[in-house]
Amino acid sequence: MGKTIKTQQQLEAEGWKIASVTGGTHLERILEMYRELGIEFYLQKVKAEECAGCSQCFTENKEASYRVYTRQH
């Protein structure tokens, strides 16, 4: 069964906060850091045009971008 996509309002109600929007190797590095620190995270795939600011690097490299949410235990 597929994973239900939650809205930003639902995530915030559950205590999640947006930490960043990133992809590629930077995403891998920050997730590893969160694991090491014991920080819970939730990823939500986003389209480049949904991202504020520059998303040119992700588009040119054909990398998926993710909105990274974190919350305290």
C-alpha atoms as a PDB file:
ATOM      1  CA  MET A   1       0.000   0.000   0.000  1.00  0.00           C
ATOM      2  CA  GLY A   2       1.323   3.481  -0.898  1.00  0.00           C
ATOM      3  CA  LYS A   3       2.478   6.071   1.579  1.00  0.00           C
ATOM      4  CA  THR A   4      -0.003   8.887   2.228  1.00  0.00           C
ATOM      5  CA  ILE A   5       1.354  12.318   1.375  1.00  0.00           C
ATOM      6  CA  LYS A   6       0.772  14.730   4.221  1.00  0.00           C
ATOM      7  CA  THR A   7       0.176  18.453   3.889  1.00  0.00           C
ATOM      8  CA  GLN A   8       2.464  20.967   5.520  1.00  0.00           C
ATOM      9  CA  GLN A   9      -0.332  21.796   7.980  1.00  0.00           C
ATOM     10  CA  GLN A  10      -0.670  18.113   8.970  1.00  0.00           C
ATOM     11  CA  LEU A  11       3.074  17.788   9.486  1.00  0.00           C
ATOM     12  CA  GLU A  12       3.247  20.948  11.585  1.00  0.00           C
ATOM     13  CA  ALA A  13       0.331  19.698  13.715  1.00  0.00           C
ATOM     14  CA  GLU A  14       2.389  16.551  14.377  1.00  0.00           C
ATOM     15  CA  GLY A  15       5.359  18.647  15.543  1.00  0.00           C
ATOM     16  CA  TRP A  16       7.419  18.621  12.323  1.00  0.00           C
ATOM     17  CA  LYS A  17       9.370  21.739  11.272  1.00  0.00           C
ATOM     18  CA  ILE A  18      10.957  22.419   7.893  1.00  0.00           C
ATOM     19  CA  ALA A  19      14.732  22.144   8.226  1.00  0.00           C
ATOM     20  CA  SER A  20      15.757  22.562   4.583  1.00  0.00           C
ATOM     21  CA  VAL A  21      15.064  21.850   0.942  1.00  0.00           C
ATOM     22  CA  THR A  22      17.924  19.999  -0.706  1.00  0.00           C
ATOM     23  CA  GLY A  23      18.954  16.992  -2.741  1.00  0.00           C
ATOM     24  CA  GLY A  24      21.870  14.950  -3.988  1.00  0.00           C
ATOM     25  CA  THR A  25      24.980  14.511  -1.889  1.00  0.00           C
ATOM     26  CA  HIS A  26      24.050  17.370   0.449  1.00  0.00           C
ATOM     27  CA  LEU A  27      20.837  15.533   1.347  1.00  0.00           C
ATOM     28  CA  GLU A  28      22.818  12.376   2.076  1.00  0.00           C
ATOM     29  CA  ARG A  29      25.215  14.296   4.355  1.00  0.00           C
ATOM     30  CA  ILE A  30      22.538  16.017   6.400  1.00  0.00           C
ATOM     31  CA  LEU A  31      20.515  12.816   6.822  1.00  0.00           C
ATOM     32  CA  GLU A  32      23.618  11.031   8.071  1.00  0.00           C
ATOM     33  CA  MET A  33      24.185  13.879  10.537  1.00  0.00           C
ATOM     34  CA  TYR A  34      20.565  13.661  11.759  1.00  0.00           C
ATOM     35  CA  ARG A  35      20.956   9.889  12.227  1.00  0.00           C
ATOM     36  CA  GLU A  36      24.158  10.369  14.237  1.00  0.00           C
ATOM     37  CA  LEU A  37      22.478  13.005  16.423  1.00  0.00           C
ATOM     38  CA  GLY A  38      19.316  10.925  16.856  1.00  0.00           C
ATOM     39  CA  ILE A  39      17.124  13.539  15.185  1.00  0.00           C
ATOM     40  CA  GLU A  40      13.952  12.204  13.605  1.00  0.00           C
ATOM     41  CA  PHE A  41      13.397  13.333  10.003  1.00  0.00           C
ATOM     42  CA  TYR A  42      10.702  13.104   7.339  1.00  0.00           C
ATOM     43  CA  LEU A  43      11.301  13.625   3.609  1.00  0.00           C
ATOM     44  CA  GLN A  44       8.822  14.982   1.120  1.00  0.00           C
ATOM     45  CA  LYS A  45       9.764  15.069  -2.557  1.00  0.00           C
ATOM     46  CA  VAL A  46       9.198  18.451  -4.197  1.00  0.00           C
ATOM     47  CA  LYS A  47       9.324  19.737  -7.749  1.00  0.00           C
ATOM     48  CA  ALA A  48      12.025  22.296  -8.521  1.00  0.00           C
ATOM     49  CA  GLU A  49       9.429  24.918  -9.416  1.00  0.00           C
ATOM     50  CA  GLU A  50       7.885  24.555  -5.918  1.00  0.00           C
ATOM     51  CA  CYS A  51      11.135  25.655  -4.266  1.00  0.00           C
ATOM     52  CA  ALA A  52      11.750  29.257  -3.403  1.00  0.00           C
ATOM     53  CA  GLY A  53      15.150  30.546  -4.417  1.00  0.00           C
ATOM     54  CA  CYS A  54      17.617  28.931  -6.768  1.00  0.00           C
ATOM     55  CA  SER A  55      16.889  25.353  -7.822  1.00  0.00           C
ATOM     56  CA  GLN A  56      18.963  25.517 -10.991  1.00  0.00           C
ATOM     57  CA  CYS A  57      21.627  23.084  -9.699  1.00  0.00           C
ATOM     58  CA  PHE A  58      19.052  20.380  -8.959  1.00  0.00           C
ATOM     59  CA  THR A  59      17.348  20.902 -12.321  1.00  0.00           C
ATOM     60  CA  GLU A  60      20.563  20.844 -14.356  1.00  0.00           C
ATOM     61  CA  ASN A  61      21.867  17.740 -12.575  1.00  0.00           C
ATOM     62  CA  LYS A  62      18.448  16.041 -12.784  1.00  0.00           C
ATOM     63  CA  GLU A  63      18.520  15.493  -9.007  1.00  0.00           C
ATOM     64  CA  ALA A  64      15.383  15.035  -6.953  1.00  0.00           C
ATOM     65  CA  SER A  65      14.773  17.749  -4.383  1.00  0.00           C
ATOM     66  CA  TYR A  66      13.303  17.032  -0.963  1.00  0.00           C
ATOM     67  CA  ARG A  67      11.756  19.129   1.753  1.00  0.00           C
ATOM     68  CA  VAL A  68      13.365  17.883   4.970  1.00  0.00           C
ATOM     69  CA  TYR A  69      11.326  18.057   8.162  1.00  0.00           C
ATOM     70  CA  THR A  70      12.679  17.352  11.643  1.00  0.00           C
ATOM     71  CA  ARG A  71      11.107  16.994  15.055  1.00  0.00           C
ATOM     72  CA  GLN A  72      12.209  16.368  18.604  1.00  0.00           C
ATOM     73  CA  HIS A  73      11.450  13.026  20.218  1.00  0.00           C
END
